[in-house]
Amino acid sequence: MSAEPPPAAPGTVPPPPLPTSGADPDGAQRVRLLSYNVRSLRDDREALVRVVRACAPDIVCVQESPRYWKPEKQAAWLARRTGTVVLSGGGRIAAGPLLLGRLRVDVIATRDLLLPKTRGLHARGFATALLRIGRSAPFAVTSCHLSLDPAERLRQFALLPEQAGPGEHGVIAGDLNEHPDGPGWRQLAARHQDAHAVAPWGGTFTSVPANPYQRIDGVFATPGIEVLACGVPHGLPGVRPADLLAATDHLPVLAVLRVPAA
């Protein structure tokens, strides 16, 4: 007799098999995208690497990559250990947001943006790259980590859709420091698909790992991209609860997106 599966974690949808990444016959691409606040790699780095590898992402939208001590070297370490390469962003370039990707991801252009700094608040920025995979249409991906100050955060929300050019497909992922009922989140969700709301999979809450009670991290996609699944990867083979607790102070968000053919 086979053992029963473990109960789902609080705030989760029991995960069905996650779609694989790869090409469809028409040239569209199924893309696994992971968004993860890594807290400057200050926690258990090996646990973090195991989580990322188990999620098998094509693209990783990192927040809080190291900014002050050899940020390029530390970004390269994370890329090497997770089987990816640096696409754009990083500590000094975008004040923390970083994009990593597998070798099958082609970079057409980088559009990293360091935002004006408000006195007394952390520097913020966006890591953005225009990408193509196989015969897919180009699509812009932005990793962001928004302000704790409500007024500044609302201004940053307003800038996010502009990171994709006119007519381009776009994906925005990151630590938004706001709940879904907040004004900035609602403003963004009015123009982009909130991926977990469209195709819920796995867990909902991303903070804090020991007792998830709030959703402050998300993935958004423009209407031309099909959202196949999105959520915290509880129960995904290879993702161990102990590693999720040890890796950092956020839970990751894993999305599978179908980008249309060019």
Protein backbone atom coordinates (compact mmCIF):
# COMPACT_ATOMS: atom_id res chain seq x y z
CA MET A 1 0.00 0.00 0.00
CA SER A 2 1.44 3.40 -0.95
CA ALA A 3 1.89 6.03 1.72
CA GLU A 4 -0.49 8.98 1.77
CA PRO A 5 1.00 12.30 0.68
CA PRO A 6 1.85 14.71 3.52
CA PRO A 7 -0.79 17.33 4.33
CA ALA A 8 -0.45 20.66 2.54
CA ALA A 9 1.12 23.53 4.47
CA PRO A 10 -1.28 26.23 5.76
CA GLY A 11 -2.41 28.62 3.03
CA THR A 12 -1.54 26.27 0.18
CA VAL A 13 -3.29 24.58 -2.70
CA PRO A 14 -2.12 20.93 -2.90
CA PRO A 15 0.23 21.11 -5.89
CA PRO A 16 -0.57 19.07 -8.99
CA PRO A 17 2.39 18.21 -11.21
CA LEU A 18 4.06 21.41 -12.33
CA PRO A 19 4.30 21.95 -16.11
CA THR A 20 7.78 21.44 -17.43
CA SER A 21 9.65 24.13 -19.31
CA GLY A 22 10.33 23.70 -23.00
CA ALA A 23 9.13 24.46 -26.50
CA ASP A 24 5.65 23.87 -27.86
CA PRO A 25 5.18 22.80 -31.50
CA ASP A 26 4.08 26.30 -32.52
CA GLY A 27 7.29 27.87 -31.19
CA ALA A 28 5.83 29.13 -27.92
CA GLN A 29 7.94 28.50 -24.83
CA ARG A 30 6.92 27.24 -21.42
CA VAL A 31 9.17 29.15 -19.03
CA ARG A 32 9.79 28.45 -15.34
CA LEU A 33 10.46 31.69 -13.48
CA LEU A 34 11.48 31.84 -9.82
CA SER A 35 11.30 34.99 -7.69
CA TYR A 36 13.34 34.88 -4.47
CA ASN A 37 14.51 37.39 -1.85
CA VAL A 38 17.85 35.90 -0.76
CA ARG A 39 18.61 38.38 2.08
CA SER A 40 22.13 39.15 0.83
CA LEU A 41 23.10 35.45 1.12
CA ARG A 42 23.37 35.87 4.91
CA ASP A 43 21.62 32.62 5.77
CA ASP A 44 22.24 29.00 4.76
CA ARG A 45 23.65 29.34 1.27
CA GLU A 46 23.66 25.62 0.57
CA ALA A 47 19.98 25.35 1.51
CA LEU A 48 19.26 28.26 -0.82
CA VAL A 49 21.09 26.57 -3.68
CA ARG A 50 19.18 23.32 -3.11
CA VAL A 51 15.84 25.15 -3.24
CA VAL A 52 16.69 26.97 -6.46
CA ARG A 53 18.01 23.84 -8.15
CA ALA A 54 14.95 21.81 -7.13
CA CYS A 55 12.68 24.43 -8.72
CA ALA A 56 14.62 24.05 -12.02
CA PRO A 57 13.95 27.62 -13.17
CA ASP A 58 14.86 29.01 -16.57
CA ILE A 59 14.97 32.53 -15.07
CA VAL A 60 15.59 33.61 -11.47
CA CYS A 61 14.46 37.05 -10.31
CA VAL A 62 16.61 37.68 -7.24
CA GLN A 63 16.00 40.37 -4.66
CA GLU A 64 18.56 41.50 -2.08
CA SER A 65 21.58 40.14 -3.87
CA PRO A 66 24.70 41.31 -1.96
CA ARG A 67 25.35 45.02 -2.52
CA TYR A 68 28.36 46.02 -0.45
CA TRP A 69 31.05 43.34 -0.35
CA LYS A 70 32.23 42.12 -3.78
CA PRO A 71 28.68 42.02 -5.22
CA GLU A 72 29.78 40.87 -8.68
CA LYS A 73 31.75 37.98 -7.24
CA GLN A 74 28.86 36.89 -5.02
CA ALA A 75 26.36 37.09 -7.89
CA ALA A 76 28.72 34.96 -9.96
CA TRP A 77 28.94 32.43 -7.10
CA LEU A 78 25.15 32.17 -6.90
CA ALA A 79 24.85 31.78 -10.66
CA ARG A 80 27.54 29.10 -10.82
CA ARG A 81 26.07 27.07 -7.95
CA THR A 82 22.53 27.20 -9.35
CA GLY A 83 23.50 26.30 -12.93
CA THR A 84 22.70 29.75 -14.33
CA VAL A 85 24.48 32.84 -15.61
CA VAL A 86 24.06 36.51 -14.73
CA LEU A 87 21.70 38.22 -17.17
CA SER A 88 21.47 41.72 -15.69
CA GLY A 89 21.30 43.76 -12.51
CA GLY A 90 23.15 43.12 -9.30
CA GLY A 91 24.27 44.86 -6.15
CA ARG A 92 25.77 48.12 -7.40
CA ILE A 93 23.94 48.25 -10.72
CA ALA A 94 20.33 47.92 -9.51
CA ALA A 95 20.71 48.16 -5.71
CA GLY A 96 20.03 44.47 -5.17
CA PRO A 97 17.67 43.06 -7.83
CA LEU A 98 19.44 40.57 -10.08
CA LEU A 99 18.42 38.39 -13.03
CA LEU A 100 19.89 34.93 -13.54
CA GLY A 101 19.07 32.53 -16.35
CA ARG A 102 19.96 29.27 -18.00
CA LEU A 103 22.12 29.19 -21.10
CA ARG A 104 19.07 28.71 -23.32
CA VAL A 105 17.94 32.24 -22.40
CA ASP A 106 19.19 34.86 -24.88
CA VAL A 107 19.64 38.48 -23.76
CA ILE A 108 18.59 41.01 -26.40
CA ALA A 109 19.08 44.11 -24.23
CA THR A 110 19.53 45.13 -20.60
CA ARG A 111 17.56 47.99 -19.07
CA ASP A 112 18.68 48.13 -15.44
CA LEU A 113 17.48 51.18 -13.57
CA LEU A 114 18.84 52.74 -10.37
CA LEU A 115 16.02 54.79 -8.87
CA PRO A 116 16.47 58.20 -7.22
CA LYS A 117 17.38 57.72 -3.55
CA THR A 118 15.19 59.24 -0.86
CA ARG A 119 17.09 60.58 2.13
CA GLY A 120 16.92 58.15 5.04
CA LEU A 121 15.64 55.24 2.92
CA HIS A 122 17.42 52.38 1.17
CA ALA A 123 18.53 52.78 -2.45
CA ARG A 124 16.23 50.91 -4.82
CA GLY A 125 16.39 49.81 -8.43
CA PHE A 126 15.07 47.43 -11.08
CA ALA A 127 16.96 44.69 -12.91
CA THR A 128 15.39 44.37 -16.36
CA ALA A 129 16.40 42.46 -19.48
CA LEU A 130 14.68 41.89 -22.80
CA LEU A 131 14.92 38.14 -23.39
CA ARG A 132 14.15 35.49 -25.96
CA ILE A 133 14.08 31.71 -25.61
CA GLY A 134 14.18 29.63 -28.76
CA ARG A 135 11.51 30.86 -31.19
CA SER A 136 9.55 32.79 -28.57
CA ALA A 137 8.61 36.42 -28.92
CA PRO A 138 10.92 38.77 -27.01
CA PHE A 139 9.73 39.44 -23.47
CA ALA A 140 10.99 41.85 -20.81
CA VAL A 141 11.61 40.51 -17.30
CA THR A 142 11.98 42.82 -14.29
CA SER A 143 13.12 41.89 -10.80
CA CYS A 144 12.20 44.46 -8.16
CA HIS A 145 12.31 45.08 -4.41
CA LEU A 146 10.04 47.97 -3.52
CA SER A 147 10.27 50.50 -0.73
CA LEU A 148 8.96 50.12 2.80
CA ASP A 149 7.72 53.72 2.62
CA PRO A 150 4.13 53.75 1.25
CA ALA A 151 4.43 56.95 -0.80
CA GLU A 152 7.76 55.99 -2.36
CA ARG A 153 6.52 52.44 -2.99
CA LEU A 154 3.46 53.73 -4.85
CA ARG A 155 5.70 55.78 -7.14
CA GLN A 156 7.83 52.70 -7.80
CA PHE A 157 4.76 50.59 -8.61
CA ALA A 158 3.83 53.17 -11.25
CA LEU A 159 7.24 52.79 -12.93
CA LEU A 160 7.16 49.01 -13.22
CA PRO A 161 4.97 48.65 -16.35
CA GLU A 162 7.28 51.09 -18.17
CA GLN A 163 10.17 48.60 -18.01
CA ALA A 164 8.65 46.77 -20.98
CA GLY A 165 8.58 48.72 -24.22
CA PRO A 166 5.41 49.49 -26.19
CA GLY A 167 3.90 46.28 -27.51
CA GLU A 168 6.37 44.02 -25.70
CA HIS A 169 5.39 41.10 -23.52
CA GLY A 170 6.53 41.62 -19.96
CA VAL A 171 6.97 39.87 -16.62
CA ILE A 172 7.47 41.62 -13.27
CA ALA A 173 8.52 39.66 -10.20
CA GLY A 174 9.75 40.57 -6.78
CA ASP A 175 9.36 41.52 -3.16
CA LEU A 176 6.68 44.19 -3.30
CA ASN A 177 6.50 44.93 0.45
CA GLU A 178 2.74 45.30 0.04
CA HIS A 179 -0.31 43.07 0.34
CA PRO A 180 -2.65 42.36 -2.59
CA ASP A 181 -5.24 44.81 -1.23
CA GLY A 182 -2.70 47.66 -1.23
CA PRO A 183 -3.06 50.54 -3.72
CA GLY A 184 0.13 49.80 -5.67
CA TRP A 185 -0.55 46.07 -5.96
CA ARG A 186 -4.11 46.74 -7.14
CA GLN A 187 -2.83 49.30 -9.63
CA LEU A 188 -0.36 46.82 -11.10
CA ALA A 189 -2.89 43.97 -11.13
CA ALA A 190 -5.29 46.14 -13.13
CA ARG A 191 -2.82 46.13 -16.05
CA HIS A 192 -0.97 42.84 -15.54
CA GLN A 193 -2.07 39.36 -14.54
CA ASP A 194 -1.37 38.54 -10.90
CA ALA A 195 -0.03 35.07 -11.67
CA HIS A 196 -0.97 33.35 -8.41
CA ALA A 197 -4.50 34.75 -8.58
CA VAL A 198 -4.86 33.57 -12.20
CA ALA A 199 -3.42 30.06 -11.80
CA PRO A 200 -2.93 29.23 -8.10
CA TRP A 201 -0.54 26.40 -7.39
CA GLY A 202 1.33 25.48 -4.21
CA GLY A 203 1.38 28.03 -1.40
CA THR A 204 0.03 31.55 -1.21
CA PHE A 205 1.88 33.23 1.65
CA THR A 206 5.55 34.18 1.27
CA SER A 207 6.43 35.69 4.64
CA VAL A 208 7.66 34.55 7.09
CA PRO A 209 8.95 31.02 6.32
CA ALA A 210 8.41 29.66 9.85
CA ASN A 211 4.81 30.91 9.96
CA PRO A 212 3.62 32.13 6.54
CA TYR A 213 0.80 34.62 7.03
CA GLN A 214 1.13 37.27 4.30
CA ARG A 215 1.67 37.52 0.55
CA ILE A 216 4.14 40.30 -0.20
CA ASP A 217 6.00 38.66 -3.11
CA GLY A 218 4.45 38.16 -6.51
CA VAL A 219 4.78 37.52 -10.23
CA PHE A 220 2.85 39.56 -12.81
CA ALA A 221 2.58 39.05 -16.57
CA THR A 222 1.17 41.09 -19.43
CA PRO A 223 -2.03 39.73 -21.02
CA GLY A 224 -0.29 38.13 -24.00
CA ILE A 225 1.54 35.66 -21.73
CA GLU A 226 -0.42 32.62 -20.51
CA VAL A 227 0.00 31.82 -16.81
CA LEU A 228 0.03 28.04 -16.32
CA ALA A 229 0.82 27.87 -12.57
CA CYS A 230 2.20 30.07 -9.81
CA GLY A 231 2.83 29.78 -6.07
CA VAL A 232 5.21 28.88 -3.28
CA PRO A 233 6.73 25.48 -4.16
CA HIS A 234 5.58 23.54 -1.08
CA GLY A 235 5.55 19.85 -1.96
CA LEU A 236 7.59 20.20 -5.13
CA PRO A 237 9.94 17.19 -5.36
CA GLY A 238 13.33 18.13 -3.97
CA VAL A 239 12.14 21.24 -2.10
CA ARG A 240 12.59 20.34 1.55
CA PRO A 241 10.73 22.26 4.26
CA ALA A 242 13.93 22.52 6.30
CA ASP A 243 15.70 24.19 3.38
CA LEU A 244 12.87 26.71 2.93
CA LEU A 245 13.26 27.66 6.59
CA ALA A 246 17.05 27.88 6.50
CA ALA A 247 17.66 29.56 3.13
CA THR A 248 16.41 33.11 3.76
CA ASP A 249 13.60 35.11 5.39
CA HIS A 250 11.18 34.86 2.43
CA LEU A 251 9.60 31.94 0.63
CA PRO A 252 10.15 31.75 -3.13
CA VAL A 253 7.47 32.14 -5.77
CA LEU A 254 7.64 29.76 -8.75
CA ALA A 255 5.66 30.47 -11.91
CA VAL A 256 5.28 28.61 -15.21
CA LEU A 257 4.48 31.00 -18.04
CA ARG A 258 3.75 30.33 -21.72
CA VAL A 259 5.38 32.98 -23.87
CA PRO A 260 3.94 33.02 -27.40
CA ALA A 261 6.00 32.46 -30.52
CA ALA A 262 7.52 35.42 -32.32
